[in-house]
Amino acid sequence: MVMAADRNVRAVFELISARNVTLTVQSIGAGDIAPFAETSSHPVGTEVSLRAEAREGWRFARWRGSVSGIVNPIRFDISGAMTVTAVFVPADRVYLALETSGDGSITASPPGMDFPPGTSVRLQALAATGWRFDHWEGDASGSSASATLALAGDRLARAVFVREAATSGGGTTPSVTTPVTPPDATGTPPSTSPTSPAAGDYPFLPADGAPGLAVFGGGTFEQASAGMESIWATSGGEFFGYVSGAPAFVNAAFMSLFSDGTIASGTPLFVYPLERAAASAAGG
């Protein structure tokens, strides 16, 4: 705009109607989930509450699927098409939850998900092609692909796998080429520097807290937006933003791009770090 005289500018914002998506609830073992039927439809951003009700001789152990944890009842926002499972086990047995981050699997010996208290279970993490095991989380720990858990009570073991990049010689190496970052508003492309890939982290970020193109290591919306004022994804040539701390309806369009509530490893995002936002505000 050329300021040849006083001007008045007004920005007009339109509320985007959230689309309806399907919530599927199911149970493993003897128990029920209230108050919804097996499938129900909800607008993106809606808060729902689920309650697990065990039958006689059984107990609720854990939620798994699009949401996880042991809190009952559980409350969460609909972020896309979601499937939530309530796990019930016999009242006199303990439950072992096995989860993975990245591409890989876990074998248990003896196999199963519920055991007599005091059972020792040996776990083995198996990475998929192009990935490697990194470490254990939850009640298991260490960087060895094998671990043993003594089940004095319910336990959770999560195996974390990170991607390996192919080299020109056909082998693999944990170092990958830094992606090209688009120019900023001044026309100068910010420099980038690689960091260690990890689930819920950014293998690549613009250097010095500059806004720009980044590659996300995979995880939830909260993990992707940690330390960011906002993150942006593209679909159909349009940008959709996720603003940290904003109400669900503000972020509904962004969340609808990722139907299972998570962002896959390797997803390119345009990020605006909090430290840069704070510096801009301080500068006027």
C-alpha atoms as a PDB file:
ATOM      1  CA  MET A   1       0.000   0.000   0.000  1.00  0.00           C
ATOM      2  CA  VAL A   2       1.310   3.435  -0.956  1.00  0.00           C
ATOM      3  CA  MET A   3       0.730   5.922   1.887  1.00  0.00           C
ATOM      4  CA  ALA A   4      -0.079   9.041  -0.127  1.00  0.00           C
ATOM      5  CA  ALA A   5      -2.588  10.047   2.564  1.00  0.00           C
ATOM      6  CA  ASP A   6      -4.193   8.695   5.748  1.00  0.00           C
ATOM      7  CA  ARG A   7      -5.564   5.236   5.191  1.00  0.00           C
ATOM      8  CA  ASN A   8      -7.864   2.891   7.156  1.00  0.00           C
ATOM      9  CA  VAL A   9      -7.312  -0.877   6.865  1.00  0.00           C
ATOM     10  CA  ARG A  10      -9.647  -3.531   8.263  1.00  0.00           C
ATOM     11  CA  ALA A  11      -8.926  -7.278   8.253  1.00  0.00           C
ATOM     12  CA  VAL A  12     -12.009  -9.494   8.002  1.00  0.00           C
ATOM     13  CA  PHE A  13     -11.787 -13.046   9.373  1.00  0.00           C
ATOM     14  CA  GLU A  14     -14.296 -15.788   8.635  1.00  0.00           C
ATOM     15  CA  LEU A  15     -14.905 -18.713  10.991  1.00  0.00           C
ATOM     16  CA  ILE A  16     -14.252 -22.015   9.217  1.00  0.00           C
ATOM     17  CA  SER A  17     -16.945 -24.571   9.981  1.00  0.00           C
ATOM     18  CA  ALA A  18     -15.387 -27.745  11.379  1.00  0.00           C
ATOM     19  CA  ARG A  19     -16.239 -30.917   9.470  1.00  0.00           C
ATOM     20  CA  ASN A  20     -17.698 -33.976  11.179  1.00  0.00           C
ATOM     21  CA  VAL A  21     -15.467 -37.015  11.693  1.00  0.00           C
ATOM     22  CA  THR A  22     -16.013 -40.494  13.111  1.00  0.00           C
ATOM     23  CA  LEU A  23     -15.131 -41.604  16.639  1.00  0.00           C
ATOM     24  CA  THR A  24     -14.891 -45.395  16.985  1.00  0.00           C
ATOM     25  CA  VAL A  25     -14.803 -46.940  20.479  1.00  0.00           C
ATOM     26  CA  GLN A  26     -14.056 -50.580  21.207  1.00  0.00           C
ATOM     27  CA  SER A  27     -12.965 -52.785  24.099  1.00  0.00           C
ATOM     28  CA  ILE A  28     -10.593 -55.682  24.710  1.00  0.00           C
ATOM     29  CA  GLY A  29     -11.611 -58.029  27.510  1.00  0.00           C
ATOM     30  CA  ALA A  30     -14.825 -57.934  29.556  1.00  0.00           C
ATOM     31  CA  GLY A  31     -15.979 -54.357  29.818  1.00  0.00           C
ATOM     32  CA  ASP A  32     -17.931 -51.548  28.173  1.00  0.00           C
ATOM     33  CA  ILE A  33     -17.416 -47.901  27.174  1.00  0.00           C
ATOM     34  CA  ALA A  34     -19.964 -45.166  27.901  1.00  0.00           C
ATOM     35  CA  PRO A  35     -21.676 -43.014  26.779  1.00  0.00           C
ATOM     36  CA  PHE A  36     -21.195 -43.460  23.006  1.00  0.00           C
ATOM     37  CA  ALA A  37     -22.147 -46.296  20.679  1.00  0.00           C
ATOM     38  CA  GLU A  38     -19.458 -48.150  18.745  1.00  0.00           C
ATOM     39  CA  THR A  39     -19.298 -45.325  16.194  1.00  0.00           C
ATOM     40  CA  SER A  40     -20.438 -41.707  16.493  1.00  0.00           C
ATOM     41  CA  SER A  41     -19.939 -38.499  14.521  1.00  0.00           C
ATOM     42  CA  HIS A  42     -18.510 -35.257  15.979  1.00  0.00           C
ATOM     43  CA  PRO A  43     -17.204 -31.901  14.659  1.00  0.00           C
ATOM     44  CA  VAL A  44     -13.411 -31.513  14.779  1.00  0.00           C
ATOM     45  CA  GLY A  45     -12.458 -29.717  17.998  1.00  0.00           C
ATOM     46  CA  THR A  46     -15.323 -31.149  20.094  1.00  0.00           C
ATOM     47  CA  GLU A  47     -14.387 -32.229  23.628  1.00  0.00           C
ATOM     48  CA  VAL A  48     -15.686 -35.692  24.519  1.00  0.00           C
ATOM     49  CA  SER A  49     -15.513 -37.832  27.650  1.00  0.00           C
ATOM     50  CA  LEU A  50     -15.344 -41.636  27.723  1.00  0.00           C
ATOM     51  CA  ARG A  51     -15.833 -43.891  30.743  1.00  0.00           C
ATOM     52  CA  ALA A  52     -14.613 -47.495  30.906  1.00  0.00           C
ATOM     53  CA  GLU A  53     -16.828 -49.842  32.936  1.00  0.00           C
ATOM     54  CA  ALA A  54     -15.377 -53.270  33.808  1.00  0.00           C
ATOM     55  CA  ARG A  55     -17.599 -56.298  34.275  1.00  0.00           C
ATOM     56  CA  GLU A  56     -17.521 -58.543  37.348  1.00  0.00           C
ATOM     57  CA  GLY A  57     -14.142 -60.181  37.896  1.00  0.00           C
ATOM     58  CA  TRP A  58     -12.369 -57.777  35.548  1.00  0.00           C
ATOM     59  CA  ARG A  59     -10.780 -54.336  35.860  1.00  0.00           C
ATOM     60  CA  PHE A  60      -9.924 -51.458  33.537  1.00  0.00           C
ATOM     61  CA  ALA A  61      -6.185 -51.367  32.688  1.00  0.00           C
ATOM     62  CA  ARG A  62      -5.532 -48.735  30.015  1.00  0.00           C
ATOM     63  CA  TRP A  63      -6.713 -46.699  27.035  1.00  0.00           C
ATOM     64  CA  ARG A  64      -4.931 -47.178  23.750  1.00  0.00           C
ATOM     65  CA  GLY A  65      -5.299 -46.092  20.116  1.00  0.00           C
ATOM     66  CA  SER A  66      -5.814 -42.415  19.261  1.00  0.00           C
ATOM     67  CA  VAL A  67      -5.561 -41.575  22.984  1.00  0.00           C
ATOM     68  CA  SER A  68      -3.678 -43.420  25.694  1.00  0.00           C
ATOM     69  CA  GLY A  69      -3.299 -43.439  29.457  1.00  0.00           C
ATOM     70  CA  ILE A  70      -4.864 -44.836  32.620  1.00  0.00           C
ATOM     71  CA  VAL A  71      -7.146 -41.937  33.627  1.00  0.00           C
ATOM     72  CA  ASN A  72     -10.793 -43.026  33.736  1.00  0.00           C
ATOM     73  CA  PRO A  73     -12.973 -41.325  32.637  1.00  0.00           C
ATOM     74  CA  ILE A  74     -10.814 -39.670  29.983  1.00  0.00           C
ATOM     75  CA  ARG A  75     -11.460 -36.337  28.229  1.00  0.00           C
ATOM     76  CA  PHE A  76      -9.961 -35.278  24.901  1.00  0.00           C
ATOM     77  CA  ASP A  77     -10.621 -33.116  21.836  1.00  0.00           C
ATOM     78  CA  ILE A  78     -11.646 -34.672  18.537  1.00  0.00           C
ATOM     79  CA  SER A  79      -8.707 -33.973  16.185  1.00  0.00           C
ATOM     80  CA  GLY A  80      -9.810 -36.119  13.235  1.00  0.00           C
ATOM     81  CA  ALA A  81     -11.183 -39.616  12.681  1.00  0.00           C
ATOM     82  CA  MET A  82     -10.223 -41.434  15.893  1.00  0.00           C
ATOM     83  CA  THR A  83     -10.319 -44.958  17.318  1.00  0.00           C
ATOM     84  CA  VAL A  84     -10.152 -45.429  21.099  1.00  0.00           C
ATOM     85  CA  THR A  85      -9.814 -48.820  22.781  1.00  0.00           C
ATOM     86  CA  ALA A  86     -10.389 -49.648  26.452  1.00  0.00           C
ATOM     87  CA  VAL A  87      -8.342 -52.614  27.693  1.00  0.00           C
ATOM     88  CA  PHE A  88      -9.775 -54.775  30.489  1.00  0.00           C
ATOM     89  CA  VAL A  89      -7.893 -57.608  32.220  1.00  0.00           C
ATOM     90  CA  PRO A  90      -8.867 -60.206  34.849  1.00  0.00           C
ATOM     91  CA  ALA A  91      -8.843 -58.597  38.290  1.00  0.00           C
ATOM     92  CA  ASP A  92      -6.074 -60.916  39.559  1.00  0.00           C
ATOM     93  CA  ARG A  93      -3.633 -60.243  36.682  1.00  0.00           C
ATOM     94  CA  VAL A  94      -1.359 -57.350  35.651  1.00  0.00           C
ATOM     95  CA  TYR A  95      -1.229 -55.685  32.234  1.00  0.00           C
ATOM     96  CA  LEU A  96       1.808 -55.054  30.012  1.00  0.00           C
ATOM     97  CA  ALA A  97       1.324 -52.296  27.421  1.00  0.00           C
ATOM     98  CA  LEU A  98       3.764 -52.306  24.486  1.00  0.00           C
ATOM     99  CA  GLU A  99       4.064 -49.216  22.286  1.00  0.00           C
ATOM    100  CA  THR A 100       6.391 -48.085  19.509  1.00  0.00           C
ATOM    101  CA  SER A 101       7.514 -44.689  18.231  1.00  0.00           C
ATOM    102  CA  GLY A 102       8.801 -44.814  14.667  1.00  0.00           C
ATOM    103  CA  ASP A 103       8.770 -47.910  12.461  1.00  0.00           C
ATOM    104  CA  GLY A 104       9.450 -51.154  14.301  1.00  0.00           C
ATOM    105  CA  SER A 105       7.915 -53.791  16.559  1.00  0.00           C
ATOM    106  CA  ILE A 106       8.334 -55.491  19.948  1.00  0.00           C
ATOM    107  CA  THR A 107       8.241 -59.195  20.770  1.00  0.00           C
ATOM    108  CA  ALA A 108       7.616 -60.441  24.310  1.00  0.00           C
ATOM    109  CA  SER A 109       8.606 -63.743  25.928  1.00  0.00           C
ATOM    110  CA  PRO A 110       6.391 -65.146  27.287  1.00  0.00           C
ATOM    111  CA  PRO A 111       3.867 -63.618  24.859  1.00  0.00           C
ATOM    112  CA  GLY A 112       0.612 -61.988  25.951  1.00  0.00           C
ATOM    113  CA  MET A 113      -0.738 -58.784  27.438  1.00  0.00           C
ATOM    114  CA  ASP A 114      -1.838 -59.892  30.935  1.00  0.00           C
ATOM    115  CA  PHE A 115       0.208 -61.999  33.353  1.00  0.00           C
ATOM    116  CA  PRO A 116       0.250 -63.249  36.945  1.00  0.00           C
ATOM    117  CA  PRO A 117       1.881 -60.639  39.238  1.00  0.00           C
ATOM    118  CA  GLY A 118       5.635 -61.118  39.557  1.00  0.00           C
ATOM    119  CA  THR A 119       6.138 -62.523  36.044  1.00  0.00           C
ATOM    120  CA  SER A 120       9.391 -61.497  34.303  1.00  0.00           C
ATOM    121  CA  VAL A 121       8.959 -60.702  30.610  1.00  0.00           C
ATOM    122  CA  ARG A 122      11.835 -60.373  28.154  1.00  0.00           C
ATOM    123  CA  LEU A 123      11.325 -57.755  25.427  1.00  0.00           C
ATOM    124  CA  GLN A 124      13.077 -57.510  22.070  1.00  0.00           C
ATOM    125  CA  ALA A 125      12.836 -54.412  19.849  1.00  0.00           C
ATOM    126  CA  LEU A 126      12.948 -55.107  16.091  1.00  0.00           C
ATOM    127  CA  ALA A 127      13.564 -52.172  13.733  1.00  0.00           C
ATOM    128  CA  ALA A 128      11.997 -52.059  10.259  1.00  0.00           C
ATOM    129  CA  THR A 129      14.160 -51.660   7.154  1.00  0.00           C
ATOM    130  CA  GLY A 130      15.669 -48.184   7.072  1.00  0.00           C
ATOM    131  CA  TRP A 131      15.186 -47.651  10.802  1.00  0.00           C
ATOM    132  CA  ARG A 132      17.204 -48.454  13.923  1.00  0.00           C
ATOM    133  CA  PHE A 133      16.306 -48.938  17.570  1.00  0.00           C
ATOM    134  CA  ASP A 134      17.326 -45.941  19.705  1.00  0.00           C
ATOM    135  CA  HIS A 135      16.091 -46.394  23.283  1.00  0.00           C
ATOM    136  CA  TRP A 136      13.328 -47.554  25.633  1.00  0.00           C
ATOM    137  CA  GLU A 137      10.832 -45.306  27.406  1.00  0.00           C
ATOM    138  CA  GLY A 138       8.189 -45.865  30.078  1.00  0.00           C
ATOM    139  CA  ASP A 139       8.952 -48.596  32.601  1.00  0.00           C
ATOM    140  CA  ALA A 140      11.758 -50.007  30.410  1.00  0.00           C
ATOM    141  CA  SER A 141      15.034 -48.128  30.007  1.00  0.00           C
ATOM    142  CA  GLY A 142      18.367 -48.267  28.260  1.00  0.00           C
ATOM    143  CA  SER A 143      19.646 -48.347  24.683  1.00  0.00           C
ATOM    144  CA  SER A 144      19.962 -52.124  24.305  1.00  0.00           C
ATOM    145  CA  ALA A 145      17.362 -53.640  21.984  1.00  0.00           C
ATOM    146  CA  SER A 146      16.541 -56.269  24.633  1.00  0.00           C
ATOM    147  CA  ALA A 147      15.113 -55.543  28.072  1.00  0.00           C
ATOM    148  CA  THR A 148      13.524 -57.475  30.939  1.00  0.00           C
ATOM    149  CA  LEU A 149      10.587 -56.245  33.034  1.00  0.00           C
ATOM    150  CA  ALA A 150       9.430 -57.696  36.363  1.00  0.00           C
ATOM    151  CA  LEU A 151       5.658 -57.198  36.443  1.00  0.00           C
ATOM    152  CA  ALA A 152       4.916 -56.253  40.044  1.00  0.00           C
ATOM    153  CA  GLY A 153       2.003 -54.217  38.649  1.00  0.00           C
ATOM    154  CA  ASP A 154       0.766 -52.805  35.340  1.00  0.00           C
ATOM    155  CA  ARG A 155       3.688 -51.714  33.161  1.00  0.00           C
ATOM    156  CA  LEU A 156       4.287 -49.760  29.930  1.00  0.00           C
ATOM    157  CA  ALA A 157       7.290 -50.246  27.620  1.00  0.00           C
ATOM    158  CA  ARG A 158       7.796 -48.035  24.565  1.00  0.00           C
ATOM    159  CA  ALA A 159      10.486 -48.757  21.965  1.00  0.00           C
ATOM    160  CA  VAL A 160      11.735 -45.671  20.118  1.00  0.00           C
ATOM    161  CA  PHE A 161      13.017 -46.144  16.563  1.00  0.00           C
ATOM    162  CA  VAL A 162      14.696 -43.457  14.440  1.00  0.00           C
ATOM    163  CA  ARG A 163      15.076 -43.308  10.698  1.00  0.00           C
ATOM    164  CA  GLU A 164      18.353 -44.075   8.932  1.00  0.00           C
ATOM    165  CA  ALA A 165      19.060 -42.311   5.627  1.00  0.00           C
ATOM    166  CA  ALA A 166      20.495 -44.153   2.617  1.00  0.00           C
ATOM    167  CA  THR A 167      23.973 -43.165   1.397  1.00  0.00           C
ATOM    168  CA  SER A 168      25.173 -43.118  -2.206  1.00  0.00           C
ATOM    169  CA  GLY A 169      26.999 -46.399  -1.569  1.00  0.00           C
ATOM    170  CA  GLY A 170      23.803 -48.184  -0.585  1.00  0.00           C
ATOM    171  CA  GLY A 171      24.534 -48.299   3.160  1.00  0.00           C
ATOM    172  CA  THR A 172      22.923 -46.298   5.905  1.00  0.00           C
ATOM    173  CA  THR A 173      24.077 -43.442   8.085  1.00  0.00           C
ATOM    174  CA  PRO A 174      22.330 -41.377  10.745  1.00  0.00           C
ATOM    175  CA  SER A 175      23.467 -38.165   9.012  1.00  0.00           C
ATOM    176  CA  VAL A 176      21.254 -36.739   6.287  1.00  0.00           C
ATOM    177  CA  THR A 177      21.456 -33.774   3.934  1.00  0.00           C
ATOM    178  CA  THR A 178      20.011 -30.520   5.246  1.00  0.00           C
ATOM    179  CA  PRO A 179      16.926 -29.486   3.224  1.00  0.00           C
ATOM    180  CA  VAL A 180      16.844 -26.183   1.363  1.00  0.00           C
ATOM    181  CA  THR A 181      14.975 -23.474   3.283  1.00  0.00           C
ATOM    182  CA  PRO A 182      12.871 -20.931   1.346  1.00  0.00           C
ATOM    183  CA  PRO A 183      13.987 -17.264   1.459  1.00  0.00           C
ATOM    184  CA  ASP A 184      12.563 -15.097   4.212  1.00  0.00           C
ATOM    185  CA  ALA A 185      10.853 -11.744   3.647  1.00  0.00           C
ATOM    186  CA  THR A 186      14.181 -10.046   2.884  1.00  0.00           C
ATOM    187  CA  GLY A 187      14.982 -12.535   0.128  1.00  0.00           C
ATOM    188  CA  THR A 188      17.849 -14.078   2.110  1.00  0.00           C
ATOM    189  CA  PRO A 189      17.595 -17.823   2.712  1.00  0.00           C
ATOM    190  CA  PRO A 190      18.300 -18.608   6.389  1.00  0.00           C
ATOM    191  CA  SER A 191      21.000 -21.175   7.052  1.00  0.00           C
ATOM    192  CA  THR A 192      20.028 -24.528   8.538  1.00  0.00           C
ATOM    193  CA  SER A 193      21.789 -26.992  10.754  1.00  0.00           C
ATOM    194  CA  PRO A 194      20.843 -30.617  11.493  1.00  0.00           C
ATOM    195  CA  THR A 195      19.984 -31.928  14.937  1.00  0.00           C
ATOM    196  CA  SER A 196      19.664 -35.500  16.131  1.00  0.00           C
ATOM    197  CA  PRO A 197      16.482 -37.157  14.806  1.00  0.00           C
ATOM    198  CA  ALA A 198      14.074 -38.277  17.535  1.00  0.00           C
ATOM    199  CA  ALA A 199      10.354 -38.859  17.866  1.00  0.00           C
ATOM    200  CA  GLY A 200       8.602 -35.631  18.840  1.00  0.00           C
ATOM    201  CA  ASP A 201      11.621 -33.581  17.721  1.00  0.00           C
ATOM    202  CA  TYR A 202      12.773 -31.797  14.577  1.00  0.00           C
ATOM    203  CA  PRO A 203      15.688 -33.466  12.759  1.00  0.00           C
ATOM    204  CA  PHE A 204      16.070 -30.206  10.816  1.00  0.00           C
ATOM    205  CA  LEU A 205      15.311 -26.647  11.915  1.00  0.00           C
ATOM    206  CA  PRO A 206      16.358 -23.233  10.559  1.00  0.00           C
ATOM    207  CA  ALA A 207      19.404 -21.981  12.462  1.00  0.00           C
ATOM    208  CA  ASP A 208      19.333 -19.264  15.136  1.00  0.00           C
ATOM    209  CA  GLY A 209      15.604 -19.585  15.774  1.00  0.00           C
ATOM    210  CA  ALA A 210      14.693 -18.210  12.365  1.00  0.00           C
ATOM    211  CA  PRO A 211      11.281 -19.018  10.868  1.00  0.00           C
ATOM    212  CA  GLY A 212      11.433 -21.358   7.897  1.00  0.00           C
ATOM    213  CA  LEU A 213      10.937 -24.852   6.559  1.00  0.00           C
ATOM    214  CA  ALA A 214      11.588 -27.697   9.021  1.00  0.00           C
ATOM    215  CA  VAL A 215      11.225 -31.480   9.019  1.00  0.00           C
ATOM    216  CA  PHE A 216       9.312 -32.993  11.942  1.00  0.00           C
ATOM    217  CA  GLY A 217      10.432 -36.277  13.525  1.00  0.00           C
ATOM    218  CA  GLY A 218       6.872 -37.490  14.122  1.00  0.00           C
ATOM    219  CA  GLY A 219       4.496 -37.189  17.082  1.00  0.00           C
ATOM    220  CA  THR A 220       1.523 -35.271  18.434  1.00  0.00           C
ATOM    221  CA  PHE A 221       0.387 -31.717  17.708  1.00  0.00           C
ATOM    222  CA  GLU A 222       1.637 -30.682  21.158  1.00  0.00           C
ATOM    223  CA  GLN A 223       5.096 -32.122  20.480  1.00  0.00           C
ATOM    224  CA  ALA A 224       5.289 -30.427  17.083  1.00  0.00           C
ATOM    225  CA  SER A 225       4.282 -27.019  18.497  1.00  0.00           C
ATOM    226  CA  ALA A 226       6.494 -27.148  21.621  1.00  0.00           C
ATOM    227  CA  GLY A 227       8.707 -24.049  21.561  1.00  0.00           C
ATOM    228  CA  MET A 228       6.815 -22.656  18.565  1.00  0.00           C
ATOM    229  CA  GLU A 229       4.429 -19.732  18.331  1.00  0.00           C
ATOM    230  CA  SER A 230       2.845 -21.467  15.337  1.00  0.00           C
ATOM    231  CA  ILE A 231       3.421 -24.278  12.849  1.00  0.00           C
ATOM    232  CA  TRP A 232       2.039 -24.507   9.297  1.00  0.00           C
ATOM    233  CA  ALA A 233       1.248 -27.331   6.881  1.00  0.00           C
ATOM    234  CA  THR A 234       0.162 -27.174   3.237  1.00  0.00           C
ATOM    235  CA  SER A 235      -2.667 -28.973   1.459  1.00  0.00           C
ATOM    236  CA  GLY A 236      -4.015 -28.220  -2.010  1.00  0.00           C
ATOM    237  CA  GLY A 237      -1.754 -25.190  -2.318  1.00  0.00           C
ATOM    238  CA  GLU A 238      -3.088 -23.596   0.910  1.00  0.00           C
ATOM    239  CA  PHE A 239      -1.407 -23.057   4.287  1.00  0.00           C
ATOM    240  CA  PHE A 240      -3.132 -24.202   7.479  1.00  0.00           C
ATOM    241  CA  GLY A 241      -1.788 -23.093  10.859  1.00  0.00           C
ATOM    242  CA  TYR A 242      -1.657 -24.505  14.383  1.00  0.00           C
ATOM    243  CA  VAL A 243      -1.209 -21.830  17.070  1.00  0.00           C
ATOM    244  CA  SER A 244       0.129 -22.985  20.442  1.00  0.00           C
ATOM    245  CA  GLY A 245      -2.393 -22.513  23.241  1.00  0.00           C
ATOM    246  CA  ALA A 246      -5.234 -21.468  20.937  1.00  0.00           C
ATOM    247  CA  PRO A 247      -8.774 -22.883  21.313  1.00  0.00           C
ATOM    248  CA  ALA A 248      -9.491 -26.064  19.350  1.00  0.00           C
ATOM    249  CA  PHE A 249     -11.718 -24.334  16.775  1.00  0.00           C
ATOM    250  CA  VAL A 250      -8.824 -22.048  15.761  1.00  0.00           C
ATOM    251  CA  ASN A 251      -6.672 -25.091  14.949  1.00  0.00           C
ATOM    252  CA  ALA A 252      -9.494 -27.259  13.550  1.00  0.00           C
ATOM    253  CA  ALA A 253      -8.489 -26.928   9.878  1.00  0.00           C
ATOM    254  CA  PHE A 254      -4.864 -27.888  10.644  1.00  0.00           C
ATOM    255  CA  MET A 255      -5.907 -30.857  12.824  1.00  0.00           C
ATOM    256  CA  SER A 256      -8.247 -32.164  10.122  1.00  0.00           C
ATOM    257  CA  LEU A 257      -5.213 -32.694   7.845  1.00  0.00           C
ATOM    258  CA  PHE A 258      -3.942 -35.436  10.206  1.00  0.00           C
ATOM    259  CA  SER A 259      -6.860 -37.803  10.753  1.00  0.00           C
ATOM    260  CA  ASP A 260      -5.246 -39.983  13.445  1.00  0.00           C
ATOM    261  CA  GLY A 261      -4.208 -37.053  15.622  1.00  0.00           C
ATOM    262  CA  THR A 262      -0.472 -37.423  14.939  1.00  0.00           C
ATOM    263  CA  ILE A 263       1.986 -35.964  12.440  1.00  0.00           C
ATOM    264  CA  ALA A 264       4.090 -38.543  10.597  1.00  0.00           C
ATOM    265  CA  SER A 265       7.875 -38.594  10.756  1.00  0.00           C
ATOM    266  CA  GLY A 266       9.431 -36.674   7.859  1.00  0.00           C
ATOM    267  CA  THR A 267       6.520 -34.234   7.469  1.00  0.00           C
ATOM    268  CA  PRO A 268       7.682 -30.797   6.248  1.00  0.00           C
ATOM    269  CA  LEU A 269       6.302 -27.899   8.316  1.00  0.00           C
ATOM    270  CA  PHE A 270       6.875 -24.153   8.224  1.00  0.00           C
ATOM    271  CA  VAL A 271       7.693 -23.131  11.798  1.00  0.00           C
ATOM    272  CA  TYR A 272       7.746 -19.809  13.652  1.00  0.00           C
ATOM    273  CA  PRO A 273       9.723 -20.306  16.905  1.00  0.00           C
ATOM    274  CA  LEU A 274       8.696 -18.570  20.126  1.00  0.00           C
ATOM    275  CA  GLU A 275      12.152 -17.040  20.587  1.00  0.00           C
ATOM    276  CA  ARG A 276      11.873 -15.284  17.226  1.00  0.00           C
ATOM    277  CA  ALA A 277       8.332 -14.120  18.051  1.00  0.00           C
ATOM    278  CA  ALA A 278       9.561 -12.703  21.382  1.00  0.00           C
ATOM    279  CA  ALA A 279      12.480 -10.937  19.674  1.00  0.00           C
ATOM    280  CA  SER A 280      10.146  -9.375  17.101  1.00  0.00           C
ATOM    281  CA  ALA A 281       7.805  -8.151  19.832  1.00  0.00           C
ATOM    282  CA  ALA A 282      10.703  -6.668  21.814  1.00  0.00           C
ATOM    283  CA  GLY A 283      11.918  -4.846  18.736  1.00  0.00           C
ATOM    284  CA  GLY A 284       8.616  -3.071  18.349  1.00  0.00           C
END
